[in-house]
């Protein structure tokens, strides 16, 4: 992906504001980094929908005074 100079500066600013670190992954390292997708990301992809369904399930949430659902707690 190629960006113009001004787009590059804007992208870096957006990532910094989002408190996200950018990393340049050199060409040819995909096969060496792929194990992360199997070990870490797979667990997250399994865990997250289960937690979402528990939170969104009927009667499993508290309401704020306006009647909307409370934000989920992060544990």
C-alpha atoms as a PDB file:
ATOM      1  CA  UNK A   1       0.000   0.000   0.000  1.00  0.00           C
ATOM      2  CA  UNK A   2       1.469   3.327  -1.010  1.00  0.00           C
ATOM      3  CA  UNK A   3       0.421   6.612   0.530  1.00  0.00           C
ATOM      4  CA  UNK A   4       1.260  10.149  -0.453  1.00  0.00           C
ATOM      5  CA  UNK A   5       3.299  12.149   2.035  1.00  0.00           C
ATOM      6  CA  UNK A   6       0.264  13.985   3.446  1.00  0.00           C
ATOM      7  CA  UNK A   7      -1.748  10.745   3.689  1.00  0.00           C
ATOM      8  CA  UNK A   8       1.158   9.080   5.478  1.00  0.00           C
ATOM      9  CA  UNK A   9       1.351  11.893   8.041  1.00  0.00           C
ATOM     10  CA  UNK A  10      -2.427  11.812   8.573  1.00  0.00           C
ATOM     11  CA  UNK A  11      -2.419   8.021   8.980  1.00  0.00           C
ATOM     12  CA  UNK A  12       0.396   8.182  11.553  1.00  0.00           C
ATOM     13  CA  UNK A  13      -1.493  10.894  13.452  1.00  0.00           C
ATOM     14  CA  UNK A  14      -4.716   8.843  13.484  1.00  0.00           C
ATOM     15  CA  UNK A  15      -2.927   5.760  14.781  1.00  0.00           C
ATOM     16  CA  UNK A  16      -1.140   7.802  17.454  1.00  0.00           C
ATOM     17  CA  UNK A  17      -4.445   9.323  18.625  1.00  0.00           C
ATOM     18  CA  UNK A  18      -5.899   5.810  18.807  1.00  0.00           C
ATOM     19  CA  UNK A  19      -2.887   4.781  20.924  1.00  0.00           C
ATOM     20  CA  UNK A  20      -1.949   2.185  18.316  1.00  0.00           C
ATOM     21  CA  UNK A  21       1.622   1.300  17.436  1.00  0.00           C
ATOM     22  CA  UNK A  22       2.482   0.754  13.797  1.00  0.00           C
ATOM     23  CA  UNK A  23       4.967  -1.890  12.779  1.00  0.00           C
ATOM     24  CA  UNK A  24       6.572  -2.473   9.418  1.00  0.00           C
ATOM     25  CA  UNK A  25       6.721  -6.178   8.665  1.00  0.00           C
ATOM     26  CA  UNK A  26       9.414  -6.923   6.118  1.00  0.00           C
ATOM     27  CA  UNK A  27       8.515  -8.885   3.029  1.00  0.00           C
ATOM     28  CA  UNK A  28       8.882 -12.642   3.437  1.00  0.00           C
ATOM     29  CA  UNK A  29       8.145 -12.792   7.182  1.00  0.00           C
ATOM     30  CA  UNK A  30       4.457 -13.675   6.892  1.00  0.00           C
ATOM     31  CA  UNK A  31       5.138 -17.394   7.261  1.00  0.00           C
ATOM     32  CA  UNK A  32       7.136 -16.767  10.430  1.00  0.00           C
ATOM     33  CA  UNK A  33       4.443 -14.534  11.949  1.00  0.00           C
ATOM     34  CA  UNK A  34       1.483 -16.743  11.009  1.00  0.00           C
ATOM     35  CA  UNK A  35       1.658 -18.815  14.247  1.00  0.00           C
ATOM     36  CA  UNK A  36       0.228 -15.801  16.099  1.00  0.00           C
ATOM     37  CA  UNK A  37      -2.933 -16.138  14.038  1.00  0.00           C
ATOM     38  CA  UNK A  38      -3.260 -19.776  15.069  1.00  0.00           C
ATOM     39  CA  UNK A  39      -2.397 -19.444  18.752  1.00  0.00           C
ATOM     40  CA  UNK A  40      -3.501 -16.003  19.950  1.00  0.00           C
ATOM     41  CA  UNK A  41      -6.071 -14.803  17.421  1.00  0.00           C
ATOM     42  CA  UNK A  42      -7.864 -18.157  17.304  1.00  0.00           C
ATOM     43  CA  UNK A  43      -8.441 -18.082  21.067  1.00  0.00           C
ATOM     44  CA  UNK A  44      -9.725 -14.521  20.840  1.00  0.00           C
ATOM     45  CA  UNK A  45     -12.049 -15.368  17.949  1.00  0.00           C
ATOM     46  CA  UNK A  46     -13.525 -18.253  19.963  1.00  0.00           C
ATOM     47  CA  UNK A  47     -13.734 -16.391  23.289  1.00  0.00           C
ATOM     48  CA  UNK A  48     -15.175 -13.088  22.080  1.00  0.00           C
ATOM     49  CA  UNK A  49     -18.428 -14.366  20.479  1.00  0.00           C
ATOM     50  CA  UNK A  50     -19.122 -16.509  23.563  1.00  0.00           C
ATOM     51  CA  UNK A  51     -18.746 -13.500  25.861  1.00  0.00           C
ATOM     52  CA  UNK A  52     -20.778 -11.289  23.512  1.00  0.00           C
ATOM     53  CA  UNK A  53     -23.631 -13.800  23.434  1.00  0.00           C
ATOM     54  CA  UNK A  54     -23.609 -14.091  27.235  1.00  0.00           C
ATOM     55  CA  UNK A  55     -23.719 -10.315  27.601  1.00  0.00           C
ATOM     56  CA  UNK A  56     -26.402  -9.796  24.945  1.00  0.00           C
ATOM     57  CA  UNK A  57     -28.568 -12.696  26.122  1.00  0.00           C
ATOM     58  CA  UNK A  58     -32.019 -11.879  27.469  1.00  0.00           C
ATOM     59  CA  UNK A  59     -32.035 -10.849  31.119  1.00  0.00           C
ATOM     60  CA  UNK A  60     -28.251 -10.928  31.427  1.00  0.00           C
ATOM     61  CA  UNK A  61     -27.670  -7.194  31.605  1.00  0.00           C
ATOM     62  CA  UNK A  62     -28.372  -4.270  33.884  1.00  0.00           C
ATOM     63  CA  UNK A  63     -30.005  -1.079  32.704  1.00  0.00           C
ATOM     64  CA  UNK A  64     -29.066   2.523  33.357  1.00  0.00           C
ATOM     65  CA  UNK A  65     -31.806   4.950  34.519  1.00  0.00           C
ATOM     66  CA  UNK A  66     -32.696   5.843  30.900  1.00  0.00           C
ATOM     67  CA  UNK A  67     -33.455   2.179  30.162  1.00  0.00           C
ATOM     68  CA  UNK A  68     -30.393   1.465  28.033  1.00  0.00           C
ATOM     69  CA  UNK A  69     -27.998  -1.405  28.742  1.00  0.00           C
ATOM     70  CA  UNK A  70     -24.994  -0.725  30.951  1.00  0.00           C
ATOM     71  CA  UNK A  71     -21.593  -1.003  29.361  1.00  0.00           C
ATOM     72  CA  UNK A  72     -19.932  -4.373  29.837  1.00  0.00           C
ATOM     73  CA  UNK A  73     -17.291  -4.603  32.513  1.00  0.00           C
ATOM     74  CA  UNK A  74     -13.808  -5.559  31.456  1.00  0.00           C
ATOM     75  CA  UNK A  75     -12.381  -8.231  33.704  1.00  0.00           C
END
